[in-house]
Protein backbone atom coordinates (compact mmCIF):
# COMPACT_ATOMS: atom_id res chain seq x y z
CA MET A 1 -37.96 -30.89 -7.92
CA THR A 2 -37.45 -27.23 -8.89
CA ILE A 3 -36.34 -24.81 -6.21
CA HIS A 4 -35.92 -21.68 -8.32
CA SER A 5 -37.07 -18.48 -6.65
CA ASP A 6 -39.61 -16.19 -8.28
CA THR A 7 -37.04 -13.49 -8.95
CA GLU A 8 -34.58 -15.63 -10.88
CA ALA A 9 -36.17 -14.95 -14.25
CA ALA A 10 -34.90 -11.39 -14.25
CA VAL A 11 -31.69 -11.53 -12.23
CA ILE A 12 -29.25 -10.63 -14.98
CA THR A 13 -29.70 -6.91 -15.50
CA ALA A 14 -27.34 -4.87 -17.65
CA GLY A 15 -25.12 -2.53 -15.72
CA LYS A 16 -25.36 -4.28 -12.35
CA SER A 17 -21.97 -5.42 -11.15
CA ALA A 18 -23.04 -7.20 -7.98
CA ILE A 19 -26.02 -9.53 -8.01
CA ALA A 20 -27.09 -11.78 -5.18
CA ALA A 21 -25.56 -15.17 -5.91
CA HIS A 22 -28.33 -16.98 -4.03
CA ASN A 23 -30.73 -15.77 -6.76
CA LEU A 24 -28.64 -17.17 -9.61
CA THR A 25 -28.76 -20.56 -11.25
CA PRO A 26 -25.41 -22.26 -12.02
CA ASN A 27 -25.77 -21.35 -15.70
CA GLN A 28 -26.30 -17.70 -14.82
CA ILE A 29 -23.27 -17.68 -12.52
CA VAL A 30 -21.11 -19.11 -15.32
CA GLU A 31 -22.56 -16.54 -17.74
CA LEU A 32 -21.56 -13.69 -15.43
CA LEU A 33 -18.06 -15.12 -14.89
CA ASP A 34 -17.69 -15.43 -18.69
CA LYS A 35 -17.84 -11.63 -18.91
CA TYR A 36 -14.47 -11.41 -17.17
CA ILE A 37 -12.76 -14.81 -17.44
CA ILE A 38 -12.02 -16.61 -20.71
CA GLY A 39 -12.32 -20.41 -20.84
CA GLN A 40 -11.87 -22.59 -17.74
CA LYS A 41 -15.42 -23.97 -18.01
CA ASP A 42 -14.73 -26.80 -15.54
CA ALA A 43 -13.62 -24.44 -12.79
CA LYS A 44 -16.56 -22.11 -13.39
CA LYS A 45 -19.01 -25.02 -13.28
CA SER A 46 -17.59 -26.34 -10.01
CA VAL A 47 -17.75 -22.92 -8.37
CA ALA A 48 -21.27 -22.30 -9.69
CA ILE A 49 -22.52 -25.65 -8.38
CA ALA A 50 -20.90 -25.01 -4.99
CA LEU A 51 -22.61 -21.62 -4.71
CA ARG A 52 -25.98 -22.99 -5.77
CA ASN A 53 -25.68 -25.85 -3.28
CA ARG A 54 -25.67 -23.26 -0.47
CA LEU A 55 -29.23 -22.32 -1.49
CA ARG A 56 -30.30 -25.92 -1.99
CA ARG A 57 -29.11 -26.83 1.49
CA GLN A 58 -31.27 -24.05 3.00
CA HIS A 59 -34.37 -25.72 1.49
CA VAL A 60 -33.58 -29.13 2.99
CA GLY A 61 -35.49 -30.21 6.10
CA ASP A 62 -34.05 -29.51 9.54
CA ASP A 63 -33.32 -33.17 10.25
CA LEU A 64 -30.90 -33.49 7.29
CA ARG A 65 -29.66 -29.93 6.77
CA GLU A 66 -26.89 -30.13 9.38
CA GLU A 67 -25.62 -33.37 7.85
CA ILE A 68 -25.00 -31.88 4.38
CA MET A 69 -21.37 -30.75 4.27
CA PRO A 70 -19.94 -28.46 1.59
CA ASN A 71 -17.82 -30.04 -1.15
CA ASN A 72 -14.59 -28.06 -0.92
CA ILE A 73 -12.70 -27.43 -4.16
CA ILE A 74 -9.03 -27.36 -5.18
CA MET A 75 -8.28 -25.49 -8.41
CA ILE A 76 -5.02 -26.65 -10.00
CA GLY A 77 -3.32 -24.77 -12.81
CA PRO A 78 -0.35 -22.61 -13.82
CA THR A 79 -0.13 -19.00 -12.80
CA GLY A 80 -2.11 -16.43 -14.77
CA VAL A 81 -4.90 -18.70 -16.03
CA GLY A 82 -7.71 -17.24 -13.92
CA LYS A 83 -7.72 -18.94 -10.50
CA THR A 84 -7.48 -15.75 -8.47
CA GLU A 85 -9.68 -13.86 -10.92
CA ILE A 86 -12.44 -16.42 -10.37
CA ALA A 87 -12.16 -15.76 -6.62
CA ARG A 88 -12.22 -12.00 -7.13
CA ARG A 89 -15.33 -12.13 -9.32
CA LEU A 90 -16.93 -14.66 -7.00
CA ALA A 91 -16.57 -12.20 -4.13
CA LYS A 92 -18.47 -9.57 -6.11
CA LEU A 93 -21.20 -12.02 -7.07
CA ALA A 94 -21.73 -13.63 -3.69
CA LYS A 95 -23.97 -11.84 -1.25
CA ALA A 96 -22.27 -13.98 1.36
CA PRO A 97 -19.27 -13.43 3.66
CA PHE A 98 -16.17 -13.98 1.53
CA VAL A 99 -12.49 -13.69 2.33
CA LYS A 100 -9.42 -14.44 0.21
CA VAL A 101 -6.18 -15.40 1.96
CA GLU A 102 -2.72 -16.58 0.92
CA ALA A 103 -1.70 -19.86 2.55
CA SER A 104 1.97 -18.82 2.46
CA LYS A 105 1.31 -16.06 5.02
CA PHE A 106 0.42 -18.47 7.83
CA THR A 107 2.65 -20.27 10.31
CA GLU A 108 2.05 -22.98 12.88
CA VAL A 109 0.51 -21.91 16.19
CA GLY A 110 3.21 -20.87 18.65
CA TYR A 111 5.48 -19.25 16.07
CA VAL A 112 5.68 -15.62 14.99
CA GLY A 113 3.19 -15.01 12.22
CA ARG A 114 -0.51 -15.40 11.57
CA ASP A 115 -2.26 -18.57 12.68
CA VAL A 116 -4.87 -20.13 10.39
CA GLU A 117 -7.77 -19.28 12.71
CA SER A 118 -7.29 -15.63 11.77
CA MET A 119 -8.89 -16.35 8.37
CA ILE A 120 -12.17 -17.16 10.17
CA ARG A 121 -11.83 -14.03 12.28
CA ASP A 122 -11.34 -12.03 9.08
CA LEU A 123 -14.42 -13.73 7.62
CA VAL A 124 -16.51 -12.73 10.65
CA ASP A 125 -15.24 -9.14 10.43
CA GLN A 126 -16.23 -9.09 6.76
CA SER A 127 -19.67 -10.49 7.62
CA VAL A 128 -20.28 -7.92 10.37
CA ALA A 129 -19.32 -5.10 8.01
CA MET A 130 -21.63 -6.51 5.33
CA VAL A 131 -24.63 -6.89 7.66
CA ARG A 132 -24.00 -3.45 9.18
CA SER A 133 -24.04 -1.99 5.68
CA GLU A 134 -27.35 -3.74 4.92
CA LYS A 135 -28.90 -2.48 8.17
CA SER A 136 -27.58 1.01 7.43
CA GLU A 137 -29.47 1.03 4.14
CA GLU A 138 -32.66 0.01 5.96
CA VAL A 139 -32.50 2.93 8.43
CA LYS A 140 -31.00 5.46 6.02
CA GLU A 141 -34.31 7.21 5.34
CA LYS A 142 -35.12 7.54 9.03
CA ALA A 143 -31.59 8.76 9.75
CA ALA A 144 -31.88 11.38 7.01
CA ALA A 145 -34.99 12.84 8.69
CA LEU A 146 -33.17 13.01 12.04
CA VAL A 147 -30.18 14.66 10.37
CA GLU A 148 -32.44 17.35 8.92
CA GLU A 149 -33.77 18.12 12.40
CA ARG A 150 -30.24 18.40 13.81
CA LEU A 151 -29.16 20.68 10.95
CA LEU A 152 -32.22 22.87 11.54
CA ASP A 153 -31.36 23.09 15.25
CA ILE A 154 -27.89 24.35 14.27
CA LEU A 155 -29.14 26.81 11.65
CA LEU A 156 -32.26 27.97 13.52
CA PRO A 157 -32.20 27.01 17.20
CA PRO A 158 -35.62 26.77 18.88
CA THR A 159 -36.68 30.06 20.52
CA PRO A 160 -35.77 30.35 24.22
CA SER A 161 -39.37 31.26 25.01
CA SER A 162 -40.76 28.04 23.57
CA ARG A 163 -41.89 25.66 26.25
CA SER A 164 -41.46 21.94 26.45
CA GLN A 165 -44.42 19.61 26.55
CA GLU A 166 -43.78 19.02 30.25
CA GLN A 167 -44.00 22.75 30.92
CA ASP A 168 -47.25 22.94 28.98
CA ASP A 169 -48.71 20.11 30.98
CA GLU A 170 -47.58 21.77 34.21
CA ASP A 171 -49.15 25.08 33.20
CA GLU A 172 -52.43 23.40 32.39
CA SER A 173 -52.49 21.78 35.83
CA VAL A 174 -51.74 25.12 37.48
CA GLN A 175 -54.53 26.80 35.51
CA ASP A 176 -56.97 24.29 36.87
CA GLU A 177 -56.22 25.39 40.44
CA PRO A 178 -58.69 28.02 41.69
CA GLY A 179 -57.38 31.49 42.25
CA THR A 180 -54.29 31.06 40.05
CA ALA A 181 -53.61 33.77 37.44
CA MET A 182 -51.47 33.03 34.31
CA ALA A 183 -49.37 35.52 32.38
CA PRO A 184 -50.46 36.05 28.77
CA ALA A 185 -48.55 33.84 26.31
CA ASP A 186 -49.45 35.74 23.15
CA GLU A 187 -45.92 37.03 22.53
CA SER A 188 -44.29 33.63 22.98
CA ASP A 189 -46.92 32.00 20.75
CA VAL A 190 -46.22 34.49 17.99
CA SER A 191 -42.47 33.92 18.38
CA ASP A 192 -42.94 30.15 18.23
CA ALA A 193 -45.12 30.41 15.12
CA LEU A 194 -42.54 32.65 13.44
CA ASN A 195 -39.74 30.25 14.35
CA ARG A 196 -41.78 27.31 13.04
CA ARG A 197 -42.40 29.02 9.68
CA SER A 198 -38.72 29.94 9.39
CA ARG A 199 -37.71 26.34 10.06
CA GLU A 200 -40.13 25.11 7.39
CA LYS A 201 -38.60 27.48 4.83
CA MET A 202 -35.08 26.50 5.89
CA LEU A 203 -36.00 22.82 5.59
CA GLU A 204 -37.23 23.41 2.06
CA ARG A 205 -33.94 25.08 1.14
CA LEU A 206 -31.98 22.22 2.73
CA ARG A 207 -33.90 19.63 0.74
CA SER A 208 -33.45 21.56 -2.51
CA GLY A 209 -29.65 21.39 -2.11
CA ARG A 210 -29.16 25.17 -2.26
CA MET A 211 -27.30 25.31 1.05
CA GLU A 212 -24.80 22.48 0.67
CA ASP A 213 -21.79 24.84 0.52
CA ARG A 214 -22.81 27.00 3.50
CA GLN A 215 -20.38 26.84 6.42
CA ILE A 216 -21.68 25.98 9.89
CA GLU A 217 -20.08 25.32 13.28
CA MET A 218 -20.86 22.06 15.05
CA ASP A 219 -19.51 19.60 17.62
CA THR A 220 -17.89 16.51 16.11
CA ALA A 221 -16.47 13.39 17.73
CA SER A 222 -12.74 12.78 17.49
CA GLU A 223 -11.72 9.95 15.15
CA ASN A 224 -9.60 8.08 17.71
CA PRO A 225 -11.40 7.80 21.07
CA GLY A 226 -8.23 6.64 22.78
CA GLY A 227 -6.13 9.59 21.68
CA MET A 228 -2.91 8.45 20.05
CA MET A 229 -2.85 5.04 21.77
CA GLN A 230 -2.13 2.19 19.40
CA ILE A 231 -1.08 -1.43 19.87
CA PHE A 232 2.16 -2.51 18.20
CA GLY A 233 3.52 -6.02 18.10
CA PRO A 234 4.02 -9.10 15.96
CA LEU A 235 1.13 -10.74 14.16
CA GLY A 236 -0.82 -13.50 15.85
CA GLN A 237 -1.66 -13.14 19.53
CA MET A 238 -0.60 -9.49 19.68
CA GLU A 239 -2.92 -8.83 16.78
CA GLU A 240 -5.82 -10.22 18.81
CA ILE A 241 -4.80 -8.19 21.87
CA GLY A 242 -4.73 -5.13 19.63
CA ASN A 243 -8.25 -5.83 18.38
CA ILE A 244 -9.57 -6.31 21.90
CA MET A 245 -7.97 -3.07 23.09
CA GLN A 246 -9.36 -1.18 20.13
CA ASP A 247 -12.85 -2.51 20.91
CA LEU A 248 -12.51 -1.47 24.56
CA MET A 249 -11.36 1.99 23.56
CA SER A 250 -14.20 2.35 21.04
CA GLY A 251 -16.70 1.87 23.90
CA LEU A 252 -15.40 4.97 25.71
CA PRO A 253 -17.15 8.31 25.17
CA ARG A 254 -15.47 10.23 22.41
CA LYS A 255 -14.05 13.69 22.90
CA ARG A 256 -15.99 16.28 20.97
CA LYS A 257 -14.61 19.46 19.47
CA LYS A 258 -16.07 22.35 17.50
CA ARG A 259 -15.34 22.46 13.78
CA ARG A 260 -16.38 24.66 10.88
CA LEU A 261 -17.49 22.64 7.89
CA SER A 262 -19.95 22.75 5.02
CA ILE A 263 -23.50 21.49 5.37
CA ALA A 264 -22.67 18.69 2.91
CA GLU A 265 -19.85 17.47 5.19
CA ALA A 266 -21.97 17.97 8.30
CA ARG A 267 -24.80 15.94 6.76
CA ARG A 268 -22.42 13.03 6.11
CA ILE A 269 -21.02 13.08 9.67
CA LEU A 270 -24.43 13.43 11.30
CA GLU A 271 -25.87 10.66 9.15
CA GLN A 272 -23.14 8.28 10.32
CA GLU A 273 -23.90 9.16 13.94
CA GLU A 274 -27.67 8.72 13.53
CA VAL A 275 -27.31 5.45 11.62
CA GLN A 276 -25.06 4.11 14.38
CA LYS A 277 -27.70 4.99 16.99
CA LEU A 278 -30.49 3.31 15.01
CA ILE A 279 -28.63 0.04 14.37
CA ASP A 280 -28.92 -2.76 16.93
CA MET A 281 -25.35 -4.10 16.97
CA ASP A 282 -26.32 -7.21 18.96
CA ALA A 283 -28.72 -8.17 16.17
CA VAL A 284 -26.05 -7.34 13.56
CA VAL A 285 -23.49 -9.62 15.23
CA LYS A 286 -26.00 -12.46 15.61
CA ASP A 287 -27.02 -12.21 11.95
CA ALA A 288 -23.37 -11.93 10.81
CA ILE A 289 -22.27 -15.05 12.69
CA ASN A 290 -25.24 -16.97 11.25
CA LYS A 291 -24.25 -15.87 7.73
CA VAL A 292 -20.67 -17.04 8.28
CA GLU A 293 -21.74 -20.42 9.60
CA GLN A 294 -24.34 -21.08 6.90
CA SER A 295 -22.93 -19.42 3.77
CA GLY A 296 -19.37 -18.23 4.44
CA ILE A 297 -16.72 -18.78 1.75
CA VAL A 298 -12.93 -18.86 2.29
CA PHE A 299 -10.66 -18.79 -0.77
CA ILE A 300 -7.17 -20.09 0.09
CA ASP A 301 -4.71 -19.09 -2.62
CA GLU A 302 -1.18 -20.50 -3.05
CA ILE A 303 -2.03 -23.70 -1.17
CA ASP A 304 0.75 -25.48 -3.09
CA LYS A 305 3.27 -23.37 -1.13
CA ILE A 306 2.40 -25.27 2.07
CA ALA A 307 2.57 -28.69 0.37
CA ALA A 308 5.85 -30.42 1.18
CA PRO A 309 7.63 -31.89 -1.88
CA SER A 310 7.70 -35.65 -2.24
CA THR A 311 10.95 -35.90 -0.29
CA GLY A 312 8.97 -35.05 2.82
CA SER A 313 10.15 -33.22 5.90
CA GLY A 314 12.11 -36.03 7.49
CA SER A 315 15.40 -34.85 6.07
CA GLY A 316 16.83 -33.72 9.37
CA LYS A 317 15.88 -30.06 8.93
CA GLY A 318 13.41 -30.09 11.81
CA PRO A 319 9.73 -29.16 11.71
CA ASP A 320 8.61 -27.00 8.82
CA VAL A 321 6.32 -24.55 10.63
CA SER A 322 5.10 -22.91 7.44
CA ARG A 323 4.21 -26.15 5.63
CA GLU A 324 3.18 -29.31 7.48
CA GLY A 325 2.48 -27.27 10.60
CA VAL A 326 0.07 -25.03 8.72
CA GLN A 327 -1.61 -28.05 7.13
CA ARG A 328 -2.15 -29.62 10.55
CA ASP A 329 -3.65 -26.39 11.88
CA LEU A 330 -5.79 -25.94 8.78
CA LEU A 331 -7.23 -29.45 8.96
CA PRO A 332 -9.58 -29.01 11.98
CA ILE A 333 -10.91 -25.72 10.59
CA VAL A 334 -11.76 -27.30 7.22
CA GLU A 335 -13.20 -30.39 8.94
CA GLY A 336 -15.36 -28.23 11.18
CA SER A 337 -14.47 -26.77 14.56
CA ASN A 338 -15.27 -23.89 16.89
CA VAL A 339 -13.19 -20.74 16.44
CA THR A 340 -13.15 -18.02 19.07
CA THR A 341 -13.60 -14.51 17.67
CA LYS A 342 -14.19 -11.17 19.34
CA TYR A 343 -17.88 -11.56 18.43
CA GLY A 344 -18.24 -15.03 19.95
CA ILE A 345 -17.78 -18.68 18.99
CA VAL A 346 -18.10 -19.49 15.27
CA LYS A 347 -18.62 -23.01 13.89
CA THR A 348 -16.85 -23.75 10.60
CA ASP A 349 -18.68 -27.00 9.74
CA HIS A 350 -20.55 -25.47 6.80
CA VAL A 351 -18.04 -22.87 5.60
CA LEU A 352 -17.08 -23.51 1.96
CA PHE A 353 -13.32 -23.64 1.33
CA ILE A 354 -11.96 -23.13 -2.18
CA ALA A 355 -8.20 -23.63 -2.55
CA SER A 356 -5.97 -22.95 -5.53
CA GLY A 357 -2.36 -23.43 -6.47
CA ALA A 358 -0.03 -23.83 -9.44
CA PHE A 359 1.57 -27.02 -8.04
CA HIS A 360 4.75 -26.58 -10.11
CA VAL A 361 7.07 -28.11 -7.51
CA ALA A 362 4.73 -29.99 -5.21
CA LYS A 363 1.67 -32.05 -6.20
CA PRO A 364 -1.80 -32.16 -4.63
CA SER A 365 -0.86 -35.63 -3.35
CA ASP A 366 1.93 -34.00 -1.31
CA LEU A 367 -0.67 -32.48 1.00
CA ILE A 368 -1.32 -34.55 4.11
CA PRO A 369 -3.93 -37.25 3.32
CA GLU A 370 -6.53 -35.91 5.78
CA LEU A 371 -6.43 -32.49 4.14
CA GLN A 372 -6.68 -34.00 0.67
CA GLY A 373 -9.82 -35.81 1.77
CA ARG A 374 -11.40 -32.52 2.83
CA PHE A 375 -11.04 -31.14 -0.70
CA PRO A 376 -12.89 -33.81 -2.71
CA ILE A 377 -13.51 -31.70 -5.82
CA ARG A 378 -10.41 -31.14 -7.95
CA VAL A 379 -10.51 -28.96 -11.03
CA GLU A 380 -7.62 -28.52 -13.43
CA LEU A 381 -7.34 -25.18 -15.20
CA LYS A 382 -5.78 -25.39 -18.63
CA SER A 383 -2.91 -23.31 -19.98
CA LEU A 384 -3.97 -20.46 -22.22
CA THR A 385 -3.65 -20.79 -26.00
CA GLU A 386 -3.16 -18.18 -28.70
CA GLU A 387 -6.93 -18.16 -29.30
CA ASP A 388 -7.54 -17.60 -25.57
CA PHE A 389 -5.16 -14.64 -25.57
CA TYR A 390 -7.06 -13.07 -28.47
CA LYS A 391 -10.35 -13.44 -26.59
CA ILE A 392 -8.80 -12.07 -23.38
CA LEU A 393 -7.67 -8.97 -25.27
CA THR A 394 -11.08 -8.31 -26.83
CA GLN A 395 -14.04 -9.96 -25.08
CA PRO A 396 -14.06 -9.32 -21.30
CA LYS A 397 -15.66 -6.14 -19.96
CA ASN A 398 -12.30 -5.20 -18.46
CA ALA A 399 -10.18 -6.32 -21.46
CA LEU A 400 -6.65 -4.92 -21.53
CA ILE A 401 -7.17 -3.14 -24.85
CA LYS A 402 -10.31 -1.45 -23.49
CA GLN A 403 -8.31 -0.29 -20.46
CA TYR A 404 -5.60 1.33 -22.60
CA LYS A 405 -8.23 2.97 -24.82
CA ALA A 406 -9.92 4.43 -21.75
CA LEU A 407 -6.59 5.70 -20.37
CA LEU A 408 -5.63 7.52 -23.57
CA SER A 409 -9.13 8.87 -24.14
CA THR A 410 -8.54 11.03 -21.04
CA GLU A 411 -5.78 12.75 -23.08
CA GLY A 412 -8.09 13.24 -26.07
CA VAL A 413 -6.45 10.43 -28.08
CA ASP A 414 -8.54 7.75 -29.79
CA LEU A 415 -6.45 4.55 -29.63
CA ASP A 416 -7.41 1.80 -32.07
CA PHE A 417 -6.02 -1.69 -32.70
CA THR A 418 -6.43 -3.52 -35.99
CA ASP A 419 -7.48 -7.15 -35.86
CA GLY A 420 -4.10 -8.16 -37.28
CA ALA A 421 -2.32 -6.33 -34.45
CA ILE A 422 -4.38 -8.08 -31.79
CA LEU A 423 -3.72 -11.48 -33.40
CA GLU A 424 0.01 -10.75 -33.49
CA ILE A 425 0.02 -9.71 -29.80
CA ALA A 426 -1.78 -12.95 -28.89
CA LYS A 427 0.66 -14.97 -30.99
CA THR A 428 3.66 -13.31 -29.34
CA ALA A 429 2.27 -13.93 -25.85
CA ALA A 430 1.72 -17.63 -26.57
CA LYS A 431 5.19 -17.95 -28.13
CA VAL A 432 7.02 -16.30 -25.23
CA ASN A 433 5.07 -18.33 -22.66
CA GLU A 434 6.17 -21.53 -24.40
CA SER A 435 9.83 -20.59 -24.74
CA VAL A 436 10.56 -18.73 -21.50
CA GLU A 437 8.17 -19.26 -18.61
CA ASN A 438 4.42 -19.75 -18.68
CA ILE A 439 2.93 -16.90 -16.66
CA GLY A 440 -0.44 -17.05 -18.40
CA ALA A 441 -2.42 -13.90 -19.12
CA ARG A 442 0.03 -11.77 -17.14
CA ARG A 443 2.30 -12.02 -20.17
CA LEU A 444 -0.12 -9.74 -22.02
CA HIS A 445 0.54 -6.93 -19.52
CA THR A 446 4.29 -7.19 -20.18
CA ILE A 447 3.84 -7.21 -23.95
CA MET A 448 1.34 -4.34 -24.02
CA THR A 449 3.62 -2.24 -21.79
CA ASN A 450 6.57 -2.76 -24.15
CA LEU A 451 4.42 -2.15 -27.23
CA LEU A 452 2.90 1.11 -26.03
CA GLU A 453 5.75 2.43 -23.90
CA GLU A 454 6.95 5.04 -26.43
CA LEU A 455 3.42 6.19 -27.20
CA MET A 456 2.40 6.48 -23.53
CA PHE A 457 5.56 8.48 -22.79
CA ASN A 458 5.13 10.98 -25.64
CA ILE A 459 1.44 11.76 -25.04
CA PRO A 460 0.45 14.55 -24.80
CA GLU A 461 3.59 16.58 -25.68
CA SER A 462 4.96 14.94 -28.83
CA VAL A 463 1.92 13.07 -30.13
CA THR A 464 -0.72 15.50 -31.35
CA GLU A 465 -2.86 13.17 -33.46
CA GLU A 466 -6.43 12.68 -32.28
CA LYS A 467 -6.41 9.05 -33.47
CA VAL A 468 -3.59 6.52 -33.18
CA VAL A 469 -3.86 3.14 -34.94
CA ILE A 470 -1.78 0.16 -33.83
CA ASP A 471 -1.39 -2.26 -36.75
CA LYS A 472 0.39 -5.56 -37.30
CA SER A 473 3.53 -4.00 -38.77
CA MET A 474 3.99 -1.81 -35.70
CA VAL A 475 3.60 -4.83 -33.39
CA LEU A 476 6.16 -6.80 -35.43
CA ASP A 477 8.53 -3.85 -35.44
CA LYS A 478 8.32 -3.42 -31.65
CA LEU A 479 8.24 -7.04 -30.48
CA SER A 480 9.61 -9.44 -33.09
CA ALA A 481 13.30 -8.92 -32.24
CA VAL A 482 12.73 -9.34 -28.52
CA ALA A 483 10.33 -12.30 -28.87
CA SER A 484 12.70 -14.19 -31.18
CA ASP A 485 15.72 -13.80 -28.89
CA ARG A 486 15.12 -16.12 -25.94
CA ASP A 487 17.87 -14.62 -23.80
CA LEU A 488 16.46 -11.14 -24.33
CA SER A 489 12.92 -12.32 -23.71
CA GLN A 490 13.86 -13.65 -20.29
CA TYR A 491 14.70 -10.14 -19.15
CA ILE A 492 12.25 -7.99 -21.12
CA LEU A 493 9.16 -10.06 -21.90
């Protein structure tokens, strides 16, 4: 059975950085990830399937839909091979609530620090912001028309002699009474017509953009409705108290003060006010919570840091509140539970959890068995080879060489790398990773910084050439001595 939507044939459009993931097939998701991440096909496939399964579940009948649970994923691999980058690119692809957290920042409930439920609260906040942004786009055109009217009222206030509709209706009723004489309204009619024509001309000038720099005086709301009041305290419960207090303060009427600002600035401020009036926040919150429950994604990085080594915790040191305690607190959330947020109760049964870790010291089997069972899909990311480093330097849209070229082009310098130079950089990175410590693609940043340090320092004063070519001999000259000396490499590369 095919469940492709009608729009999927043309989803990949050049120049678009964020495309709705629910419109993409797994192959298309992998193709987009390939633009930024080299290799790691297994991890990309698992993530792509997990994203596509969110759509497939929505097409399942009501009787079975609630029974289909997400297959959570653990990505295992050394640092610098693309685990976090996959999460970062996934966030840009997914038109779904997405939050990335570090497991090492959490502590067991009852201790100072963040409890694991805060990741769901962050996810809901992200979802509310996302839905509010979508609703803002829907009412933007209507808000723009209202802003124009408010700007016209500031630039050309209605004439004092103009009457409201209620006054007109009252006058008509008075005219109908016998023996009642009305004063002539010719002068006020002429004044109203003149004011109307002036407003039409002013509106035309506003729309043409000729008045954007003109200064006007208007009332604006203060940024902080509660004055200078802020909530300070440790993370955790105090954080929640702070959020609640901020929400209460935001409901109070804001102090308004007169400011002089350009029409361009005034338009931006007024548009925010009008958009806020047009948006139904109750509907936004309801839609946001539904998005979290049906398609939310939580990426838990550094999960190996909360895995106790094989020796366990029964060594007489007492409870480890940042390891086993966090795992115990994390378990019910991953299994599916109700989390209280400032927007209401949120169910986590169908939230997708993707975890990642290097697992240098601990192993995935060191996690508590119940938590292991909630991450059934395990993907191992491979260490990067010399060939991978070459591709990383040249192929991705944000390749390191392209970044340095763009930086120096702002100084009028055309930076170029020969193919031999790029191969030598890749070879050096692979060699140092093998001999010192494998930090993956991050090694390329260290090597490129050392290679180009002198050049970056001397531009633009000392280097006057319009084109600078980095060749193999220059790379060897700069890096060979350091790369060959292991003791030196430990401190420099």
